[in-house]
């Protein structure tokens, strides 16, 4: 006779506990990747700022971890990066925006995956979802700067650099997912979109 708790057999409870531990571990790894890709990998912009690869890992967090764990990893990793880079005023907005980007990236990719069934075209749903998520990022930071920081239309100055940042993330994430997702050990760890 199997031991039961809450109506689940002991083997099922053990499997679920392992799954939760796996997801929490990967959430920590992806949060660290978001942090490191934002803080360490910097590409100078002509306008004086810099590009980073943090958004690429925000998108990967959503695609690989799903909406809940992906949101936590993306929001936490990028908000901590803001704190480390003396951008504490942006940390609350970054947490919300990056978490929402991961959620949106997951659901848009899942939606388009229903229409694009061939494995060789798997990158297309992810590109569509990256465009949607990066658009959310551009609009989110514009809103935060214009309304919450009181910059009004002066916040429009950041739109171009955020769009360019989004393009860097789109291409970076497409390259990374194209390299990682076909690997069977990698693919088996993460939820399917379709």
C-alpha atoms as a PDB file:
ATOM      1  CA  UNK A   1       0.000   0.000   0.000  1.00  0.00           C
ATOM      2  CA  UNK A   2       1.332   3.421  -0.963  1.00  0.00           C
ATOM      3  CA  UNK A   3       1.604   6.203   1.544  1.00  0.00           C
ATOM      4  CA  UNK A   4      -0.740   9.036   0.639  1.00  0.00           C
ATOM      5  CA  UNK A   5      -0.869  12.664   1.605  1.00  0.00           C
ATOM      6  CA  UNK A   6      -3.369  15.056   0.112  1.00  0.00           C
ATOM      7  CA  UNK A   7      -4.561  12.268  -2.172  1.00  0.00           C
ATOM      8  CA  UNK A   8      -1.195  11.840  -3.939  1.00  0.00           C
ATOM      9  CA  UNK A   9       0.918   8.681  -3.910  1.00  0.00           C
ATOM     10  CA  UNK A  10       4.366   9.046  -2.335  1.00  0.00           C
ATOM     11  CA  UNK A  11       6.085   8.620  -5.711  1.00  0.00           C
ATOM     12  CA  UNK A  12       4.048  11.477  -7.204  1.00  0.00           C
ATOM     13  CA  UNK A  13       4.848  13.731  -4.227  1.00  0.00           C
ATOM     14  CA  UNK A  14       8.554  12.971  -4.642  1.00  0.00           C
ATOM     15  CA  UNK A  15       8.381  13.727  -8.370  1.00  0.00           C
ATOM     16  CA  UNK A  16       6.604  17.041  -7.751  1.00  0.00           C
ATOM     17  CA  UNK A  17       9.062  18.029  -5.018  1.00  0.00           C
ATOM     18  CA  UNK A  18      11.945  17.300  -7.407  1.00  0.00           C
ATOM     19  CA  UNK A  19      10.257  19.347 -10.101  1.00  0.00           C
ATOM     20  CA  UNK A  20       9.775  22.316  -7.765  1.00  0.00           C
ATOM     21  CA  UNK A  21      13.407  22.092  -6.624  1.00  0.00           C
ATOM     22  CA  UNK A  22      14.525  21.952 -10.263  1.00  0.00           C
ATOM     23  CA  UNK A  23      12.443  25.002 -11.155  1.00  0.00           C
ATOM     24  CA  UNK A  24      13.691  26.990  -8.167  1.00  0.00           C
ATOM     25  CA  UNK A  25      17.283  26.089  -9.060  1.00  0.00           C
ATOM     26  CA  UNK A  26      16.856  27.137 -12.682  1.00  0.00           C
ATOM     27  CA  UNK A  27      15.106  30.323 -11.556  1.00  0.00           C
ATOM     28  CA  UNK A  28      18.212  31.209  -9.547  1.00  0.00           C
ATOM     29  CA  UNK A  29      20.487  30.375 -12.471  1.00  0.00           C
ATOM     30  CA  UNK A  30      18.478  32.504 -14.896  1.00  0.00           C
ATOM     31  CA  UNK A  31      18.283  35.389 -12.392  1.00  0.00           C
ATOM     32  CA  UNK A  32      22.084  35.233 -12.164  1.00  0.00           C
ATOM     33  CA  UNK A  33      22.376  35.145 -15.965  1.00  0.00           C
ATOM     34  CA  UNK A  34      20.116  38.214 -16.267  1.00  0.00           C
ATOM     35  CA  UNK A  35      22.228  40.007 -13.659  1.00  0.00           C
ATOM     36  CA  UNK A  36      25.608  39.103 -15.170  1.00  0.00           C
ATOM     37  CA  UNK A  37      24.508  39.810 -18.759  1.00  0.00           C
ATOM     38  CA  UNK A  38      23.318  43.255 -17.669  1.00  0.00           C
ATOM     39  CA  UNK A  39      26.216  44.226 -15.409  1.00  0.00           C
ATOM     40  CA  UNK A  40      29.218  42.693 -17.139  1.00  0.00           C
ATOM     41  CA  UNK A  41      28.394  42.436 -20.847  1.00  0.00           C
ATOM     42  CA  UNK A  42      28.272  46.102 -21.926  1.00  0.00           C
ATOM     43  CA  UNK A  43      28.436  47.363 -25.500  1.00  0.00           C
ATOM     44  CA  UNK A  44      28.868  51.175 -25.779  1.00  0.00           C
ATOM     45  CA  UNK A  45      26.119  53.138 -27.557  1.00  0.00           C
ATOM     46  CA  UNK A  46      26.918  56.129 -29.752  1.00  0.00           C
ATOM     47  CA  UNK A  47      24.570  58.230 -27.565  1.00  0.00           C
ATOM     48  CA  UNK A  48      26.703  57.644 -24.480  1.00  0.00           C
ATOM     49  CA  UNK A  49      24.859  54.773 -22.796  1.00  0.00           C
ATOM     50  CA  UNK A  50      25.476  51.091 -23.368  1.00  0.00           C
ATOM     51  CA  UNK A  51      23.727  47.991 -24.638  1.00  0.00           C
ATOM     52  CA  UNK A  52      23.671  44.839 -22.576  1.00  0.00           C
ATOM     53  CA  UNK A  53      22.517  41.283 -23.129  1.00  0.00           C
ATOM     54  CA  UNK A  54      20.259  41.211 -20.058  1.00  0.00           C
ATOM     55  CA  UNK A  55      17.057  41.341 -22.106  1.00  0.00           C
ATOM     56  CA  UNK A  56      18.170  38.310 -24.109  1.00  0.00           C
ATOM     57  CA  UNK A  57      18.172  36.330 -20.859  1.00  0.00           C
ATOM     58  CA  UNK A  58      14.866  37.902 -19.831  1.00  0.00           C
ATOM     59  CA  UNK A  59      13.355  36.392 -22.984  1.00  0.00           C
ATOM     60  CA  UNK A  60      15.120  33.071 -22.414  1.00  0.00           C
ATOM     61  CA  UNK A  61      13.778  33.030 -18.843  1.00  0.00           C
ATOM     62  CA  UNK A  62      10.223  33.271 -20.114  1.00  0.00           C
ATOM     63  CA  UNK A  63      10.701  30.712 -22.874  1.00  0.00           C
ATOM     64  CA  UNK A  64      12.615  28.151 -20.846  1.00  0.00           C
ATOM     65  CA  UNK A  65      11.090  28.512 -17.367  1.00  0.00           C
ATOM     66  CA  UNK A  66       7.511  29.415 -18.178  1.00  0.00           C
ATOM     67  CA  UNK A  67       5.596  32.476 -17.037  1.00  0.00           C
ATOM     68  CA  UNK A  68       5.822  32.221 -13.243  1.00  0.00           C
ATOM     69  CA  UNK A  69       9.423  31.147 -12.705  1.00  0.00           C
ATOM     70  CA  UNK A  70      10.573  33.135 -15.744  1.00  0.00           C
ATOM     71  CA  UNK A  71       8.998  36.306 -14.353  1.00  0.00           C
ATOM     72  CA  UNK A  72      10.739  35.887 -11.010  1.00  0.00           C
ATOM     73  CA  UNK A  73      14.122  35.203 -12.622  1.00  0.00           C
ATOM     74  CA  UNK A  74      13.890  38.104 -15.081  1.00  0.00           C
ATOM     75  CA  UNK A  75      12.495  40.635 -12.630  1.00  0.00           C
ATOM     76  CA  UNK A  76      14.829  39.772  -9.784  1.00  0.00           C
ATOM     77  CA  UNK A  77      18.021  39.460 -11.839  1.00  0.00           C
ATOM     78  CA  UNK A  78      17.523  42.729 -13.713  1.00  0.00           C
ATOM     79  CA  UNK A  79      16.335  44.710 -10.675  1.00  0.00           C
ATOM     80  CA  UNK A  80      19.427  43.586  -8.757  1.00  0.00           C
ATOM     81  CA  UNK A  81      21.528  44.691 -11.732  1.00  0.00           C
ATOM     82  CA  UNK A  82      19.979  48.169 -11.493  1.00  0.00           C
ATOM     83  CA  UNK A  83      20.906  48.288  -7.817  1.00  0.00           C
ATOM     84  CA  UNK A  84      24.465  47.197  -8.599  1.00  0.00           C
ATOM     85  CA  UNK A  85      24.803  49.813 -11.349  1.00  0.00           C
ATOM     86  CA  UNK A  86      23.599  52.723  -9.175  1.00  0.00           C
ATOM     87  CA  UNK A  87      20.233  52.754 -10.907  1.00  0.00           C
ATOM     88  CA  UNK A  88      18.162  52.139  -7.763  1.00  0.00           C
ATOM     89  CA  UNK A  89      15.522  54.611  -8.929  1.00  0.00           C
ATOM     90  CA  UNK A  90      14.784  52.226 -11.833  1.00  0.00           C
ATOM     91  CA  UNK A  91      14.851  48.966  -9.816  1.00  0.00           C
ATOM     92  CA  UNK A  92      11.100  48.803  -8.967  1.00  0.00           C
ATOM     93  CA  UNK A  93      10.108  49.560 -12.569  1.00  0.00           C
ATOM     94  CA  UNK A  94      12.707  47.138 -13.883  1.00  0.00           C
ATOM     95  CA  UNK A  95      11.369  44.349 -11.663  1.00  0.00           C
ATOM     96  CA  UNK A  96       7.818  44.827 -12.991  1.00  0.00           C
ATOM     97  CA  UNK A  97       8.764  45.460 -16.634  1.00  0.00           C
ATOM     98  CA  UNK A  98      11.221  42.573 -16.954  1.00  0.00           C
ATOM     99  CA  UNK A  99       8.867  40.155 -15.159  1.00  0.00           C
ATOM    100  CA  UNK A 100       6.046  41.192 -17.502  1.00  0.00           C
ATOM    101  CA  UNK A 101       8.354  40.776 -20.496  1.00  0.00           C
ATOM    102  CA  UNK A 102       9.115  37.162 -19.533  1.00  0.00           C
ATOM    103  CA  UNK A 103       5.409  36.395 -19.093  1.00  0.00           C
ATOM    104  CA  UNK A 104       4.489  38.031 -22.396  1.00  0.00           C
ATOM    105  CA  UNK A 105       7.356  36.317 -24.227  1.00  0.00           C
ATOM    106  CA  UNK A 106       6.163  32.924 -22.996  1.00  0.00           C
ATOM    107  CA  UNK A 107       2.496  33.383 -23.894  1.00  0.00           C
ATOM    108  CA  UNK A 108       3.051  35.014 -27.291  1.00  0.00           C
ATOM    109  CA  UNK A 109       5.546  32.283 -28.253  1.00  0.00           C
ATOM    110  CA  UNK A 110       3.087  29.635 -27.070  1.00  0.00           C
ATOM    111  CA  UNK A 111       0.294  31.235 -29.116  1.00  0.00           C
ATOM    112  CA  UNK A 112       2.338  31.383 -32.329  1.00  0.00           C
ATOM    113  CA  UNK A 113       3.727  27.881 -31.732  1.00  0.00           C
ATOM    114  CA  UNK A 114       0.174  26.571 -32.287  1.00  0.00           C
ATOM    115  CA  UNK A 115       0.312  27.897 -35.849  1.00  0.00           C
ATOM    116  CA  UNK A 116       3.923  27.010 -36.628  1.00  0.00           C
ATOM    117  CA  UNK A 117       4.234  23.289 -35.992  1.00  0.00           C
ATOM    118  CA  UNK A 118       7.531  22.492 -37.741  1.00  0.00           C
ATOM    119  CA  UNK A 119      10.496  22.223 -35.405  1.00  0.00           C
ATOM    120  CA  UNK A 120      12.842  23.890 -37.897  1.00  0.00           C
ATOM    121  CA  UNK A 121      10.714  27.063 -37.695  1.00  0.00           C
ATOM    122  CA  UNK A 122      10.672  27.075 -33.885  1.00  0.00           C
ATOM    123  CA  UNK A 123      12.574  30.359 -33.811  1.00  0.00           C
ATOM    124  CA  UNK A 124       9.724  32.265 -35.518  1.00  0.00           C
ATOM    125  CA  UNK A 125       7.292  32.173 -32.558  1.00  0.00           C
ATOM    126  CA  UNK A 126      10.136  33.282 -30.329  1.00  0.00           C
ATOM    127  CA  UNK A 127      10.995  36.212 -32.613  1.00  0.00           C
ATOM    128  CA  UNK A 128       7.356  37.359 -32.629  1.00  0.00           C
ATOM    129  CA  UNK A 129       7.237  37.091 -28.854  1.00  0.00           C
ATOM    130  CA  UNK A 130      10.561  38.936 -28.514  1.00  0.00           C
ATOM    131  CA  UNK A 131       9.187  41.826 -30.579  1.00  0.00           C
ATOM    132  CA  UNK A 132       6.099  42.002 -28.335  1.00  0.00           C
ATOM    133  CA  UNK A 133       8.150  41.793 -25.116  1.00  0.00           C
ATOM    134  CA  UNK A 134      10.686  44.377 -26.237  1.00  0.00           C
ATOM    135  CA  UNK A 135       7.849  46.705 -27.262  1.00  0.00           C
ATOM    136  CA  UNK A 136       6.508  46.326 -23.735  1.00  0.00           C
ATOM    137  CA  UNK A 137       9.946  47.258 -22.405  1.00  0.00           C
ATOM    138  CA  UNK A 138      10.146  50.418 -24.534  1.00  0.00           C
ATOM    139  CA  UNK A 139       6.636  51.495 -23.548  1.00  0.00           C
ATOM    140  CA  UNK A 140       7.110  50.532 -19.906  1.00  0.00           C
ATOM    141  CA  UNK A 141      10.250  52.596 -19.414  1.00  0.00           C
ATOM    142  CA  UNK A 142       8.759  55.524 -21.330  1.00  0.00           C
ATOM    143  CA  UNK A 143       5.718  55.461 -19.039  1.00  0.00           C
ATOM    144  CA  UNK A 144       7.874  55.144 -15.908  1.00  0.00           C
ATOM    145  CA  UNK A 145      10.149  58.014 -16.879  1.00  0.00           C
ATOM    146  CA  UNK A 146       7.343  60.253 -18.183  1.00  0.00           C
ATOM    147  CA  UNK A 147       4.803  59.703 -15.411  1.00  0.00           C
ATOM    148  CA  UNK A 148       6.516  58.274 -12.334  1.00  0.00           C
ATOM    149  CA  UNK A 149       9.776  60.218 -12.627  1.00  0.00           C
ATOM    150  CA  UNK A 150       7.976  63.286 -13.939  1.00  0.00           C
ATOM    151  CA  UNK A 151      10.060  63.753 -17.072  1.00  0.00           C
ATOM    152  CA  UNK A 152       7.006  64.239 -19.293  1.00  0.00           C
ATOM    153  CA  UNK A 153       7.882  64.281 -22.974  1.00  0.00           C
ATOM    154  CA  UNK A 154      11.564  64.412 -22.056  1.00  0.00           C
ATOM    155  CA  UNK A 155      11.279  60.670 -21.531  1.00  0.00           C
ATOM    156  CA  UNK A 156      10.987  60.301 -25.313  1.00  0.00           C
ATOM    157  CA  UNK A 157      14.774  60.728 -25.515  1.00  0.00           C
ATOM    158  CA  UNK A 158      15.189  57.202 -24.143  1.00  0.00           C
ATOM    159  CA  UNK A 159      12.946  55.560 -26.727  1.00  0.00           C
ATOM    160  CA  UNK A 160      15.598  55.229 -29.440  1.00  0.00           C
ATOM    161  CA  UNK A 161      18.181  53.660 -27.137  1.00  0.00           C
ATOM    162  CA  UNK A 162      15.555  51.299 -25.695  1.00  0.00           C
ATOM    163  CA  UNK A 163      14.483  50.244 -29.208  1.00  0.00           C
ATOM    164  CA  UNK A 164      18.125  49.566 -30.089  1.00  0.00           C
ATOM    165  CA  UNK A 165      18.516  47.645 -26.804  1.00  0.00           C
ATOM    166  CA  UNK A 166      15.458  45.606 -27.792  1.00  0.00           C
ATOM    167  CA  UNK A 167      16.972  44.777 -31.189  1.00  0.00           C
ATOM    168  CA  UNK A 168      20.189  43.604 -29.526  1.00  0.00           C
ATOM    169  CA  UNK A 169      18.098  41.379 -27.225  1.00  0.00           C
ATOM    170  CA  UNK A 170      16.017  40.026 -30.102  1.00  0.00           C
ATOM    171  CA  UNK A 171      19.054  38.943 -32.104  1.00  0.00           C
ATOM    172  CA  UNK A 172      20.960  37.755 -29.032  1.00  0.00           C
ATOM    173  CA  UNK A 173      18.076  35.641 -27.764  1.00  0.00           C
ATOM    174  CA  UNK A 174      17.370  34.209 -31.236  1.00  0.00           C
ATOM    175  CA  UNK A 175      21.009  33.148 -31.543  1.00  0.00           C
ATOM    176  CA  UNK A 176      21.104  31.679 -28.036  1.00  0.00           C
ATOM    177  CA  UNK A 177      17.843  29.760 -28.357  1.00  0.00           C
ATOM    178  CA  UNK A 178      18.906  28.561 -31.801  1.00  0.00           C
ATOM    179  CA  UNK A 179      22.093  27.161 -30.275  1.00  0.00           C
ATOM    180  CA  UNK A 180      20.655  25.808 -27.003  1.00  0.00           C
ATOM    181  CA  UNK A 181      17.146  24.528 -27.708  1.00  0.00           C
ATOM    182  CA  UNK A 182      18.117  21.871 -30.278  1.00  0.00           C
ATOM    183  CA  UNK A 183      20.301  20.180 -27.634  1.00  0.00           C
ATOM    184  CA  UNK A 184      18.202  17.316 -26.270  1.00  0.00           C
ATOM    185  CA  UNK A 185      19.443  17.598 -22.658  1.00  0.00           C
ATOM    186  CA  UNK A 186      18.593  21.306 -22.622  1.00  0.00           C
ATOM    187  CA  UNK A 187      15.201  20.880 -24.290  1.00  0.00           C
ATOM    188  CA  UNK A 188      14.124  18.107 -21.918  1.00  0.00           C
ATOM    189  CA  UNK A 189      14.563  20.334 -18.844  1.00  0.00           C
ATOM    190  CA  UNK A 190      12.145  23.043 -19.916  1.00  0.00           C
ATOM    191  CA  UNK A 191       8.418  23.187 -20.718  1.00  0.00           C
ATOM    192  CA  UNK A 192       7.239  22.914 -24.308  1.00  0.00           C
ATOM    193  CA  UNK A 193       5.562  25.932 -25.795  1.00  0.00           C
ATOM    194  CA  UNK A 194       3.131  24.006 -27.972  1.00  0.00           C
END
